[in-house]
């Protein structure tokens, strides 16, 4: 029963997103719950990990570097090309490129966990891309848009430690010392994680309901293409380099899923509210596309076992 409910994750995400868009007033007040919910998911993720998982991930500096390089080389370039091909207004183009120039976010770690990808590697790449953001995000924004913007990396790192590192380490420690006793909790946590991320997606949709309603189809198409091509490129390049499927899935998720919240914040501060629209839409869409992909890959992993 638990496994069946977990497998229906994309359906719950879509249905709850539609409800949130239809009746946003029921969920907008849940904004303060987003961080605690993400921490809960990360704690559950930690319960599924061991120190050996992190040791193996850190023994792959080349793969971590590949993930960071692909993210910062592909995503802003894809955004720039899509923007020009679709002849997007300058402000929308700026917002799309800005999202592409941002590091990975905690959503990628959640999706990696739900997709049964390499979670430890996902966390390592997210952390590395956040560190690199202090140079990469302003440099890429300047190269593509001619704008110099400061990036609040210290604040981002604090959030990353709070939302990802501490809960994951806590869960991993408990799993190390109480592995047998926590077996029932490990069985239940995938369903808890699904419920939590569905609620997070709903809150994000509710907070952006007006923007979604006002967004033109061209902007929505641009965001979907941006995310889709990022996921496809990350997976395709990894497989061309003969990396295994689990690693390729992890890299696809890390490349295609951005810290769109940072993109929104930077767009509002340094451009215009309209430039924040691609980031706001991206924050909704990449959770939905990631949910669908996680469900597909999870089924493939189950069938291969």
Protein backbone atom coordinates (compact mmCIF):
# COMPACT_ATOMS: atom_id res chain seq x y z
CA UNK A 1 0.00 0.00 0.00
CA UNK A 2 2.76 2.43 0.97
CA UNK A 3 4.74 1.63 -2.17
CA UNK A 4 1.66 2.09 -4.37
CA UNK A 5 0.89 5.49 -2.85
CA UNK A 6 4.53 6.51 -3.33
CA UNK A 7 4.52 5.42 -6.98
CA UNK A 8 1.52 7.69 -7.64
CA UNK A 9 3.70 10.69 -6.67
CA UNK A 10 3.33 12.51 -10.06
CA UNK A 11 -0.46 12.20 -9.92
CA UNK A 12 -0.61 13.69 -6.39
CA UNK A 13 1.77 16.49 -7.46
CA UNK A 14 -0.32 17.41 -10.53
CA UNK A 15 -3.69 17.20 -8.73
CA UNK A 16 -2.46 19.23 -5.77
CA UNK A 17 -0.87 21.81 -8.10
CA UNK A 18 -4.18 22.25 -9.93
CA UNK A 19 -5.98 22.67 -6.61
CA UNK A 20 -3.37 25.21 -5.43
CA UNK A 21 -3.72 27.19 -8.66
CA UNK A 22 -7.54 27.09 -8.37
CA UNK A 23 -7.71 27.91 -4.64
CA UNK A 24 -4.36 29.53 -3.72
CA UNK A 25 -5.78 31.18 -0.60
CA UNK A 26 -5.83 27.79 1.13
CA UNK A 27 -2.05 27.37 0.81
CA UNK A 28 -0.31 30.76 0.62
CA UNK A 29 -0.12 30.91 4.42
CA UNK A 30 2.00 27.75 4.28
CA UNK A 31 5.07 29.60 2.98
CA UNK A 32 6.90 29.41 6.38
CA UNK A 33 6.44 25.61 6.31
CA UNK A 34 8.52 25.14 3.14
CA UNK A 35 11.90 25.06 4.91
CA UNK A 36 10.80 22.69 7.74
CA UNK A 37 9.19 20.38 5.18
CA UNK A 38 12.38 20.30 3.10
CA UNK A 39 14.39 19.58 6.25
CA UNK A 40 12.04 16.68 7.06
CA UNK A 41 12.59 15.24 3.56
CA UNK A 42 16.36 15.63 3.92
CA UNK A 43 16.28 13.88 7.30
CA UNK A 44 14.46 10.95 5.70
CA UNK A 45 17.05 10.99 2.95
CA UNK A 46 19.79 10.75 5.60
CA UNK A 47 18.10 7.66 7.05
CA UNK A 48 18.66 5.92 3.71
CA UNK A 49 22.38 6.81 3.57
CA UNK A 50 25.59 5.59 5.18
CA UNK A 51 29.00 7.21 5.55
CA UNK A 52 30.25 4.85 2.84
CA UNK A 53 27.86 6.50 0.37
CA UNK A 54 29.48 9.90 1.01
CA UNK A 55 32.98 8.44 0.94
CA UNK A 56 32.26 6.92 -2.48
CA UNK A 57 30.81 10.23 -3.74
CA UNK A 58 33.85 12.23 -2.58
CA UNK A 59 36.11 9.74 -4.33
CA UNK A 60 34.57 10.97 -7.60
CA UNK A 61 35.87 14.57 -7.85
CA UNK A 62 35.84 14.29 -11.64
CA UNK A 63 32.12 13.49 -11.69
CA UNK A 64 31.37 16.31 -9.21
CA UNK A 65 33.39 18.69 -11.39
CA UNK A 66 31.60 17.45 -14.52
CA UNK A 67 28.23 18.17 -12.92
CA UNK A 68 29.23 21.71 -11.97
CA UNK A 69 30.79 22.44 -15.39
CA UNK A 70 27.76 21.10 -17.28
CA UNK A 71 25.37 23.08 -15.11
CA UNK A 72 27.13 26.41 -15.60
CA UNK A 73 28.03 25.88 -19.27
CA UNK A 74 24.79 24.37 -20.56
CA UNK A 75 21.97 26.06 -18.63
CA UNK A 76 22.71 29.74 -19.37
CA UNK A 77 23.60 28.90 -22.99
CA UNK A 78 20.36 26.94 -23.48
CA UNK A 79 18.41 29.83 -21.92
CA UNK A 80 20.10 32.36 -24.21
CA UNK A 81 19.42 30.29 -27.36
CA UNK A 82 15.77 29.61 -26.41
CA UNK A 83 15.22 33.29 -25.61
CA UNK A 84 16.48 34.38 -29.02
CA UNK A 85 14.74 31.62 -30.99
CA UNK A 86 11.40 32.46 -29.34
CA UNK A 87 12.13 36.21 -29.61
CA UNK A 88 11.34 36.76 -25.95
CA UNK A 89 11.22 40.33 -24.57
CA UNK A 90 14.55 41.50 -23.11
CA UNK A 91 13.31 41.34 -19.50
CA UNK A 92 12.05 37.75 -19.87
CA UNK A 93 15.29 36.74 -21.59
CA UNK A 94 17.26 38.26 -18.70
CA UNK A 95 15.23 36.28 -16.16
CA UNK A 96 15.64 33.02 -18.09
CA UNK A 97 19.41 33.46 -18.43
CA UNK A 98 19.66 34.40 -14.76
CA UNK A 99 17.95 31.15 -13.74
CA UNK A 100 20.40 29.27 -15.97
CA UNK A 101 23.34 31.01 -14.31
CA UNK A 102 22.24 29.98 -10.80
CA UNK A 103 23.62 26.98 -8.88
CA UNK A 104 21.68 23.83 -8.03
CA UNK A 105 19.05 23.93 -5.31
CA UNK A 106 17.73 21.62 -2.61
CA UNK A 107 14.91 20.45 -4.90
CA UNK A 108 17.47 18.49 -6.95
CA UNK A 109 18.51 16.55 -3.83
CA UNK A 110 14.89 15.69 -3.06
CA UNK A 111 14.23 14.49 -6.62
CA UNK A 112 17.48 12.48 -6.62
CA UNK A 113 16.28 10.76 -3.45
CA UNK A 114 12.83 10.02 -4.88
CA UNK A 115 14.33 8.84 -8.19
CA UNK A 116 16.73 6.49 -6.37
CA UNK A 117 19.68 8.26 -7.96
CA UNK A 118 23.00 8.83 -6.15
CA UNK A 119 21.86 11.14 -3.32
CA UNK A 120 25.32 11.62 -1.78
CA UNK A 121 26.68 12.66 -5.19
CA UNK A 122 23.70 14.99 -5.71
CA UNK A 123 24.34 16.73 -2.38
CA UNK A 124 28.08 17.03 -3.17
CA UNK A 125 27.40 18.62 -6.60
CA UNK A 126 24.82 21.04 -5.15
CA UNK A 127 27.29 22.12 -2.47
CA UNK A 128 30.11 22.54 -5.01
CA UNK A 129 27.95 24.52 -7.47
CA UNK A 130 26.84 26.82 -4.65
CA UNK A 131 30.48 27.51 -3.73
CA UNK A 132 31.33 28.22 -7.39
CA UNK A 133 28.31 30.55 -7.70
CA UNK A 134 30.21 33.43 -6.12
CA UNK A 135 32.23 33.64 -9.35
CA UNK A 136 30.13 31.82 -11.94
CA UNK A 137 26.72 33.48 -11.51
CA UNK A 138 27.87 37.12 -11.80
CA UNK A 139 30.39 36.25 -14.55
CA UNK A 140 27.83 34.41 -16.68
CA UNK A 141 25.23 37.16 -16.13
CA UNK A 142 27.76 39.72 -17.31
CA UNK A 143 28.80 37.63 -20.34
CA UNK A 144 25.25 36.99 -21.55
CA UNK A 145 23.42 40.11 -20.38
CA UNK A 146 26.12 42.72 -19.79
CA UNK A 147 25.01 43.17 -16.16
CA UNK A 148 27.18 42.85 -13.06
CA UNK A 149 25.29 41.46 -10.07
CA UNK A 150 26.40 40.46 -6.57
CA UNK A 151 25.45 36.94 -5.47
CA UNK A 152 24.67 36.29 -1.75
CA UNK A 153 26.71 33.10 -1.56
CA UNK A 154 27.25 33.23 2.21
CA UNK A 155 23.49 33.31 2.80
CA UNK A 156 23.00 30.52 0.27
CA UNK A 157 25.61 28.34 1.97
CA UNK A 158 24.01 28.92 5.38
CA UNK A 159 20.64 27.87 3.95
CA UNK A 160 22.22 24.83 2.30
CA UNK A 161 23.82 23.75 5.58
CA UNK A 162 20.55 24.34 7.48
CA UNK A 163 18.19 22.69 4.98
CA UNK A 164 20.40 19.93 3.55
CA UNK A 165 23.60 19.17 5.42
CA UNK A 166 22.40 19.12 9.06
CA UNK A 167 19.24 17.00 8.47
CA UNK A 168 21.07 14.58 6.14
CA UNK A 169 23.99 14.16 8.57
CA UNK A 170 21.56 13.68 11.49
CA UNK A 171 19.63 11.02 9.58
CA UNK A 172 22.84 9.34 8.46
CA UNK A 173 24.18 9.23 12.04
CA UNK A 174 20.97 7.67 13.33
CA UNK A 175 21.02 5.15 10.50
CA UNK A 176 24.62 4.26 11.33
CA UNK A 177 24.02 3.57 15.02
CA UNK A 178 20.37 2.43 15.02
CA UNK A 179 20.06 0.77 11.64
CA UNK A 180 18.00 -2.24 12.77
CA UNK A 181 15.69 -0.26 15.06
CA UNK A 182 14.95 2.32 12.35
CA UNK A 183 13.94 -0.21 9.68
CA UNK A 184 10.17 0.61 10.04
CA UNK A 185 10.91 4.34 9.74
CA UNK A 186 12.96 3.78 6.56
CA UNK A 187 9.98 1.94 5.06
CA UNK A 188 7.60 4.79 5.89
CA UNK A 189 9.76 7.82 5.04
CA UNK A 190 9.45 7.63 1.22
CA UNK A 191 5.69 8.17 1.61
CA UNK A 192 6.26 10.98 4.15
CA UNK A 193 8.73 12.57 1.70
CA UNK A 194 6.22 12.32 -1.15
CA UNK A 195 3.50 13.96 0.97
CA UNK A 196 5.92 16.72 2.05
CA UNK A 197 7.18 17.54 -1.45
CA UNK A 198 3.61 17.50 -2.85
CA UNK A 199 2.67 20.04 -0.16
CA UNK A 200 5.77 22.14 -0.97
CA UNK A 201 4.88 22.12 -4.68
CA UNK A 202 1.31 23.15 -3.81
CA UNK A 203 2.51 26.07 -1.69
CA UNK A 204 4.89 27.21 -4.46
CA UNK A 205 2.06 27.06 -7.02
CA UNK A 206 -0.25 28.99 -4.69
CA UNK A 207 2.37 31.69 -4.11
CA UNK A 208 2.82 32.05 -7.90
CA UNK A 209 -0.81 31.53 -8.96
CA UNK A 210 -1.21 35.08 -10.25
CA UNK A 211 2.04 34.94 -12.22
CA UNK A 212 1.05 31.58 -13.72
CA UNK A 213 -2.33 32.95 -14.79
CA UNK A 214 -0.75 36.04 -16.35
CA UNK A 215 2.17 34.25 -18.04
CA UNK A 216 2.01 33.98 -21.79
CA UNK A 217 2.25 30.56 -23.39
CA UNK A 218 5.59 31.58 -24.93
CA UNK A 219 7.16 32.14 -21.49
CA UNK A 220 5.77 28.83 -20.21
CA UNK A 221 7.13 27.06 -23.31
CA UNK A 222 10.54 28.67 -22.77
CA UNK A 223 10.71 27.48 -19.15
CA UNK A 224 9.62 23.93 -20.08
CA UNK A 225 12.19 23.77 -22.91
CA UNK A 226 14.93 25.17 -20.67
CA UNK A 227 14.36 22.59 -17.95
CA UNK A 228 13.77 19.71 -20.40
CA UNK A 229 16.87 20.36 -22.47
CA UNK A 230 18.93 20.69 -19.28
CA UNK A 231 17.75 17.30 -18.02
CA UNK A 232 18.25 15.69 -21.44
CA UNK A 233 21.71 17.20 -21.97
CA UNK A 234 22.90 16.20 -18.50
CA UNK A 235 21.81 12.60 -18.99
CA UNK A 236 22.95 12.37 -22.61
CA UNK A 237 26.45 13.73 -22.04
CA UNK A 238 26.92 11.48 -18.99
CA UNK A 239 25.96 8.41 -21.01
CA UNK A 240 28.19 9.48 -23.93
CA UNK A 241 31.03 9.58 -21.40
CA UNK A 242 30.05 5.98 -20.48
CA UNK A 243 28.98 6.77 -16.95
CA UNK A 244 26.51 4.32 -15.37
CA UNK A 245 22.75 5.01 -15.44
CA UNK A 246 22.47 5.99 -11.76
CA UNK A 247 25.26 8.56 -12.12
CA UNK A 248 23.76 9.82 -15.40
CA UNK A 249 20.37 10.29 -13.73
CA UNK A 250 22.00 12.18 -10.87
CA UNK A 251 23.83 14.49 -13.29
CA UNK A 252 20.66 15.06 -15.33
CA UNK A 253 18.80 16.15 -12.20
CA UNK A 254 21.65 18.41 -11.06
CA UNK A 255 22.03 20.05 -14.48
CA UNK A 256 18.32 20.51 -15.20
CA UNK A 257 17.15 21.71 -11.77
CA UNK A 258 18.26 25.17 -10.66
CA UNK A 259 18.07 27.32 -7.53
CA UNK A 260 15.22 29.23 -9.17
CA UNK A 261 14.37 30.96 -5.89
CA UNK A 262 17.73 32.70 -6.07
CA UNK A 263 17.01 33.60 -9.69
CA UNK A 264 13.74 35.25 -8.64
CA UNK A 265 15.43 37.19 -5.81
CA UNK A 266 18.27 38.43 -8.05
CA UNK A 267 15.87 39.35 -10.88
CA UNK A 268 13.68 41.47 -8.60
CA UNK A 269 16.69 43.17 -7.04
CA UNK A 270 18.74 43.85 -10.17
CA UNK A 271 16.25 43.81 -13.08
CA UNK A 272 12.44 44.11 -12.94
CA UNK A 273 9.50 42.13 -11.48
CA UNK A 274 8.80 40.87 -15.03
CA UNK A 275 12.32 39.40 -15.17
CA UNK A 276 11.41 37.32 -12.10
CA UNK A 277 8.62 35.54 -14.01
CA UNK A 278 10.81 32.80 -15.62
CA UNK A 279 12.31 31.94 -12.21
CA UNK A 280 8.89 31.79 -10.57
CA UNK A 281 7.55 29.51 -13.31
CA UNK A 282 10.74 27.43 -13.26
CA UNK A 283 10.35 26.85 -9.50
CA UNK A 284 6.91 25.33 -10.15
CA UNK A 285 7.70 23.43 -13.35
CA UNK A 286 11.02 21.80 -12.38
CA UNK A 287 9.36 20.27 -9.31
CA UNK A 288 6.59 18.81 -11.48
CA UNK A 289 8.91 17.56 -14.24
CA UNK A 290 11.32 16.24 -11.60
CA UNK A 291 8.45 14.40 -9.90
CA UNK A 292 7.43 12.73 -13.16
CA UNK A 293 11.02 11.79 -13.95
CA UNK A 294 11.61 10.49 -10.42
CA UNK A 295 8.56 8.25 -10.72
CA UNK A 296 9.71 6.89 -14.09
CA UNK A 297 13.26 6.20 -12.94
CA UNK A 298 12.10 4.73 -9.64
CA UNK A 299 9.98 2.20 -11.54
CA UNK A 300 12.96 1.36 -13.78
CA UNK A 301 15.18 0.78 -10.74
CA UNK A 302 12.51 -1.48 -9.20
CA UNK A 303 12.17 -3.48 -12.42
CA UNK A 304 15.95 -3.89 -12.71
CA UNK A 305 16.26 -5.30 -9.17
